Amino acid sequence: MKEIDIRSLTLNPFERLHKQWALLAAGNAESFNMMTVSWGALGVIWQKPSCTVYVRGSRYTKEFIDNSEYFTLSFLKDGNRETLSLLGSQSGRDIDKMKQSGLAPVFMNGCPTFAESELVLVCRKVYSVPMPLENFYDPSIAKANYPDGDTHVQYIGEIVASFEN
């Protein structure tokens, strides 16, 4: 992978995140976890290029994000939809995600990502906030997405490095 200037990217986040999905990962070489995400945002906040991701309170990956200074958002090359489906539907508490997925872990700036990635964003955590049900102005959104009350936590990360493969 080669490091690139984040300002040179011309990706469409609506396509890349929502339709093609990405892997969110955190931890270190000794212990890490990843999960598939299709919600998020890329942009600028506080004069920094930023990535916003959402993680349910029950997700195993949340523990790794909470205990790490950095996380990665990795966009896999075409042909990995089945792997992304597996990693979004199974918990690292229950299965060995690396073994089951067949992905090859690599570490960029000490953060976990995967050799199969075509684009990796390394993000330094700068902000997080829970999304309590009572803060939804449209109760139908809360009802449709959180019937069991397992809401998301929003994480904002400053994009500190980006890599292409």
C-alpha atoms as a PDB file:
ATOM      1  CA  MET A   1       0.000   0.000   0.000  1.00  0.00           C
ATOM      2  CA  LYS A   2       1.169   3.511  -0.680  1.00  0.00           C
ATOM      3  CA  GLU A   3       0.321   6.529   1.411  1.00  0.00           C
ATOM      4  CA  ILE A   4      -1.727   9.175  -0.390  1.00  0.00           C
ATOM      5  CA  ASP A   5      -2.817  12.725   0.333  1.00  0.00           C
ATOM      6  CA  ILE A   6      -6.413  12.553   1.608  1.00  0.00           C
ATOM      7  CA  ARG A   7      -7.205  15.709  -0.380  1.00  0.00           C
ATOM      8  CA  SER A   8      -6.633  13.764  -3.618  1.00  0.00           C
ATOM      9  CA  LEU A   9      -9.564  11.396  -3.013  1.00  0.00           C
ATOM     10  CA  THR A  10     -12.583  11.647  -5.275  1.00  0.00           C
ATOM     11  CA  LEU A  11     -14.767   8.931  -3.780  1.00  0.00           C
ATOM     12  CA  ASN A  12     -18.522   9.123  -3.396  1.00  0.00           C
ATOM     13  CA  PRO A  13     -19.268   8.300   0.282  1.00  0.00           C
ATOM     14  CA  PHE A  14     -22.867   7.427  -0.545  1.00  0.00           C
ATOM     15  CA  GLU A  15     -21.661   4.685  -2.874  1.00  0.00           C
ATOM     16  CA  ARG A  16     -18.632   3.568  -0.886  1.00  0.00           C
ATOM     17  CA  LEU A  17     -20.214   3.425   2.566  1.00  0.00           C
ATOM     18  CA  HIS A  18     -23.873   2.766   2.017  1.00  0.00           C
ATOM     19  CA  LYS A  19     -23.793   0.520  -1.032  1.00  0.00           C
ATOM     20  CA  GLN A  20     -20.326  -1.080  -1.059  1.00  0.00           C
ATOM     21  CA  TRP A  21     -19.746  -1.106   2.725  1.00  0.00           C
ATOM     22  CA  ALA A  22     -16.468  -0.871   4.626  1.00  0.00           C
ATOM     23  CA  LEU A  23     -14.668  -2.522   7.517  1.00  0.00           C
ATOM     24  CA  LEU A  24     -14.202  -0.639  10.753  1.00  0.00           C
ATOM     25  CA  ALA A  25     -11.329  -2.005  12.832  1.00  0.00           C
ATOM     26  CA  ALA A  26      -9.507  -1.103  16.039  1.00  0.00           C
ATOM     27  CA  GLY A  27      -6.957  -2.633  18.349  1.00  0.00           C
ATOM     28  CA  ASN A  28      -3.352  -3.680  17.821  1.00  0.00           C
ATOM     29  CA  ALA A  29      -1.339  -6.589  16.420  1.00  0.00           C
ATOM     30  CA  GLU A  30      -1.943  -8.653  19.565  1.00  0.00           C
ATOM     31  CA  SER A  31      -5.705  -8.113  19.752  1.00  0.00           C
ATOM     32  CA  PHE A  32      -8.135  -6.429  17.391  1.00  0.00           C
ATOM     33  CA  ASN A  33     -11.605  -6.763  15.936  1.00  0.00           C
ATOM     34  CA  MET A  34     -13.456  -5.527  12.907  1.00  0.00           C
ATOM     35  CA  MET A  35     -17.038  -5.094  11.762  1.00  0.00           C
ATOM     36  CA  THR A  36     -18.795  -4.132   8.572  1.00  0.00           C
ATOM     37  CA  VAL A  37     -20.300  -0.656   8.428  1.00  0.00           C
ATOM     38  CA  SER A  38     -22.649   0.973   5.952  1.00  0.00           C
ATOM     39  CA  TRP A  39     -23.496   4.094   7.954  1.00  0.00           C
ATOM     40  CA  GLY A  40     -21.057   6.929   8.261  1.00  0.00           C
ATOM     41  CA  ALA A  41     -19.841  10.219   6.913  1.00  0.00           C
ATOM     42  CA  LEU A  42     -16.694  11.696   5.432  1.00  0.00           C
ATOM     43  CA  GLY A  43     -16.043  15.408   5.542  1.00  0.00           C
ATOM     44  CA  VAL A  44     -14.492  18.197   7.558  1.00  0.00           C
ATOM     45  CA  ILE A  45     -15.148  19.160  11.166  1.00  0.00           C
ATOM     46  CA  TRP A  46     -13.045  21.351  13.432  1.00  0.00           C
ATOM     47  CA  GLN A  47     -10.845  22.169  10.394  1.00  0.00           C
ATOM     48  CA  LYS A  48      -9.830  18.493  10.108  1.00  0.00           C
ATOM     49  CA  PRO A  49     -10.565  15.885   7.448  1.00  0.00           C
ATOM     50  CA  SER A  50     -12.838  13.515   9.328  1.00  0.00           C
ATOM     51  CA  CYS A  51     -14.641  10.213   9.335  1.00  0.00           C
ATOM     52  CA  THR A  52     -17.787   9.601  11.380  1.00  0.00           C
ATOM     53  CA  VAL A  53     -18.868   6.042  12.160  1.00  0.00           C
ATOM     54  CA  TYR A  54     -21.677   4.564  14.229  1.00  0.00           C
ATOM     55  CA  VAL A  55     -21.320   1.486  16.440  1.00  0.00           C
ATOM     56  CA  ARG A  56     -24.055  -0.175  18.489  1.00  0.00           C
ATOM     57  CA  GLY A  57     -23.381  -0.430  22.207  1.00  0.00           C
ATOM     58  CA  SER A  58     -23.534  -4.229  22.060  1.00  0.00           C
ATOM     59  CA  ARG A  59     -20.872  -4.659  19.364  1.00  0.00           C
ATOM     60  CA  TYR A  60     -17.588  -6.306  20.308  1.00  0.00           C
ATOM     61  CA  THR A  61     -15.687  -3.868  18.087  1.00  0.00           C
ATOM     62  CA  LYS A  62     -16.917  -1.017  20.308  1.00  0.00           C
ATOM     63  CA  GLU A  63     -14.699  -2.286  23.134  1.00  0.00           C
ATOM     64  CA  PHE A  64     -11.663  -2.029  20.853  1.00  0.00           C
ATOM     65  CA  ILE A  65     -12.569   1.450  19.618  1.00  0.00           C
ATOM     66  CA  ASP A  66     -13.163   2.652  23.172  1.00  0.00           C
ATOM     67  CA  ASN A  67      -9.750   1.327  24.242  1.00  0.00           C
ATOM     68  CA  SER A  68      -7.792   2.593  21.218  1.00  0.00           C
ATOM     69  CA  GLU A  69      -6.630   6.008  20.158  1.00  0.00           C
ATOM     70  CA  TYR A  70      -7.035   5.108  16.472  1.00  0.00           C
ATOM     71  CA  PHE A  71      -9.363   3.139  14.220  1.00  0.00           C
ATOM     72  CA  THR A  72      -9.327   2.319  10.521  1.00  0.00           C
ATOM     73  CA  LEU A  73     -11.994   2.407   7.875  1.00  0.00           C
ATOM     74  CA  SER A  74     -11.049  -0.009   5.096  1.00  0.00           C
ATOM     75  CA  PHE A  75     -12.746  -0.281   1.721  1.00  0.00           C
ATOM     76  CA  LEU A  76     -12.147  -3.762   0.292  1.00  0.00           C
ATOM     77  CA  LYS A  77     -11.581  -4.534  -3.355  1.00  0.00           C
ATOM     78  CA  ASP A  78     -14.521  -5.826  -5.384  1.00  0.00           C
ATOM     79  CA  GLY A  79     -15.412  -9.467  -4.819  1.00  0.00           C
ATOM     80  CA  ASN A  80     -15.499  -9.331  -1.009  1.00  0.00           C
ATOM     81  CA  ARG A  81     -19.246  -8.856  -0.439  1.00  0.00           C
ATOM     82  CA  GLU A  82     -19.671 -12.303   1.147  1.00  0.00           C
ATOM     83  CA  THR A  83     -16.800 -11.576   3.541  1.00  0.00           C
ATOM     84  CA  LEU A  84     -18.302  -8.198   4.433  1.00  0.00           C
ATOM     85  CA  SER A  85     -21.664  -9.889   5.081  1.00  0.00           C
ATOM     86  CA  LEU A  86     -20.019 -12.416   7.399  1.00  0.00           C
ATOM     87  CA  LEU A  87     -18.082  -9.754   9.317  1.00  0.00           C
ATOM     88  CA  GLY A  88     -21.211  -7.646   9.763  1.00  0.00           C
ATOM     89  CA  SER A  89     -23.412 -10.468  11.001  1.00  0.00           C
ATOM     90  CA  GLN A  90     -21.112 -12.465  13.295  1.00  0.00           C
ATOM     91  CA  SER A  91     -19.452 -11.365  16.518  1.00  0.00           C
ATOM     92  CA  GLY A  92     -15.762 -11.674  17.240  1.00  0.00           C
ATOM     93  CA  ARG A  93     -16.865 -12.885  20.658  1.00  0.00           C
ATOM     94  CA  ASP A  94     -18.293 -16.003  18.995  1.00  0.00           C
ATOM     95  CA  ILE A  95     -16.051 -16.753  16.018  1.00  0.00           C
ATOM     96  CA  ASP A  96     -12.470 -16.160  14.896  1.00  0.00           C
ATOM     97  CA  LYS A  97     -13.262 -13.494  12.324  1.00  0.00           C
ATOM     98  CA  MET A  98      -9.797 -13.550  10.783  1.00  0.00           C
ATOM     99  CA  LYS A  99      -9.909 -17.305  10.223  1.00  0.00           C
ATOM    100  CA  GLN A 100     -13.501 -17.288   8.949  1.00  0.00           C
ATOM    101  CA  SER A 101     -13.024 -14.304   6.647  1.00  0.00           C
ATOM    102  CA  GLY A 102      -9.781 -15.399   5.013  1.00  0.00           C
ATOM    103  CA  LEU A 103      -8.567 -11.782   5.082  1.00  0.00           C
ATOM    104  CA  ALA A 104      -4.896 -11.019   5.661  1.00  0.00           C
ATOM    105  CA  PRO A 105      -4.305  -8.494   8.449  1.00  0.00           C
ATOM    106  CA  VAL A 106      -1.760  -5.726   7.957  1.00  0.00           C
ATOM    107  CA  PHE A 107      -1.020  -2.789  10.210  1.00  0.00           C
ATOM    108  CA  MET A 108      -0.800   0.787   8.992  1.00  0.00           C
ATOM    109  CA  ASN A 109       0.486   3.240  11.586  1.00  0.00           C
ATOM    110  CA  GLY A 110      -0.051   0.460  14.146  1.00  0.00           C
ATOM    111  CA  CYS A 111      -3.742   0.058  13.258  1.00  0.00           C
ATOM    112  CA  PRO A 112      -5.365  -3.087  11.883  1.00  0.00           C
ATOM    113  CA  THR A 113      -6.455  -3.183   8.263  1.00  0.00           C
ATOM    114  CA  PHE A 114      -6.383  -5.805   5.533  1.00  0.00           C
ATOM    115  CA  ALA A 115      -4.265  -6.640   2.495  1.00  0.00           C
ATOM    116  CA  GLU A 116      -7.472  -6.905   0.454  1.00  0.00           C
ATOM    117  CA  SER A 117      -8.225  -3.201   0.958  1.00  0.00           C
ATOM    118  CA  GLU A 118      -8.087  -0.767  -1.919  1.00  0.00           C
ATOM    119  CA  LEU A 119      -8.426   2.266   0.343  1.00  0.00           C
ATOM    120  CA  VAL A 120      -7.673   2.651   4.052  1.00  0.00           C
ATOM    121  CA  LEU A 121      -8.375   5.683   6.224  1.00  0.00           C
ATOM    122  CA  VAL A 122      -6.472   5.797   9.517  1.00  0.00           C
ATOM    123  CA  CYS A 123      -8.428   7.891  12.013  1.00  0.00           C
ATOM    124  CA  ARG A 124      -7.488   9.352  15.394  1.00  0.00           C
ATOM    125  CA  LYS A 125     -10.488   9.315  17.697  1.00  0.00           C
ATOM    126  CA  VAL A 126     -11.433  12.889  18.619  1.00  0.00           C
ATOM    127  CA  TYR A 127     -15.050  12.663  19.787  1.00  0.00           C
ATOM    128  CA  SER A 128     -17.783  10.220  20.712  1.00  0.00           C
ATOM    129  CA  VAL A 129     -21.341  10.597  21.879  1.00  0.00           C
ATOM    130  CA  PRO A 130     -24.132   8.094  22.617  1.00  0.00           C
ATOM    131  CA  MET A 131     -27.387   8.387  20.690  1.00  0.00           C
ATOM    132  CA  PRO A 132     -30.124   8.059  23.340  1.00  0.00           C
ATOM    133  CA  LEU A 133     -33.642   7.237  22.179  1.00  0.00           C
ATOM    134  CA  GLU A 134     -35.084  10.384  23.745  1.00  0.00           C
ATOM    135  CA  ASN A 135     -32.984  12.560  21.405  1.00  0.00           C
ATOM    136  CA  PHE A 136     -34.784  11.376  18.264  1.00  0.00           C
ATOM    137  CA  TYR A 137     -37.107  14.064  16.926  1.00  0.00           C
ATOM    138  CA  ASP A 138     -38.743  11.502  14.645  1.00  0.00           C
ATOM    139  CA  PRO A 139     -39.813   8.582  16.872  1.00  0.00           C
ATOM    140  CA  SER A 140     -40.423   6.377  13.834  1.00  0.00           C
ATOM    141  CA  ILE A 141     -36.637   6.285  13.215  1.00  0.00           C
ATOM    142  CA  ALA A 142     -35.991   5.098  16.761  1.00  0.00           C
ATOM    143  CA  LYS A 143     -38.801   2.554  16.569  1.00  0.00           C
ATOM    144  CA  ALA A 144     -37.622   1.150  13.215  1.00  0.00           C
ATOM    145  CA  ASN A 145     -33.914   0.981  14.060  1.00  0.00           C
ATOM    146  CA  TYR A 146     -33.798   0.359  17.819  1.00  0.00           C
ATOM    147  CA  PRO A 147     -36.712  -1.870  18.848  1.00  0.00           C
ATOM    148  CA  ASP A 148     -34.537  -3.406  21.577  1.00  0.00           C
ATOM    149  CA  GLY A 149     -32.972  -0.080  22.655  1.00  0.00           C
ATOM    150  CA  ASP A 150     -29.454  -1.025  21.456  1.00  0.00           C
ATOM    151  CA  THR A 151     -28.576   2.406  20.085  1.00  0.00           C
ATOM    152  CA  HIS A 152     -25.393   3.521  18.383  1.00  0.00           C
ATOM    153  CA  VAL A 153     -22.488   5.566  19.630  1.00  0.00           C
ATOM    154  CA  GLN A 154     -21.205   8.138  17.160  1.00  0.00           C
ATOM    155  CA  TYR A 155     -17.416   8.327  16.792  1.00  0.00           C
ATOM    156  CA  ILE A 156     -15.629  11.106  14.942  1.00  0.00           C
ATOM    157  CA  GLY A 157     -12.061  10.485  13.900  1.00  0.00           C
ATOM    158  CA  GLU A 158      -9.577  12.855  12.326  1.00  0.00           C
ATOM    159  CA  ILE A 159      -8.209  11.187   9.194  1.00  0.00           C
ATOM    160  CA  VAL A 160      -4.461  11.226   9.899  1.00  0.00           C
ATOM    161  CA  ALA A 161      -3.315   8.955   7.056  1.00  0.00           C
ATOM    162  CA  SER A 162      -4.753   7.355   3.941  1.00  0.00           C
ATOM    163  CA  PHE A 163      -3.462   4.483   1.839  1.00  0.00           C
ATOM    164  CA  GLU A 164      -4.318   3.006  -1.560  1.00  0.00           C
ATOM    165  CA  ASN A 165      -3.538  -0.425  -2.858  1.00  0.00           C
END
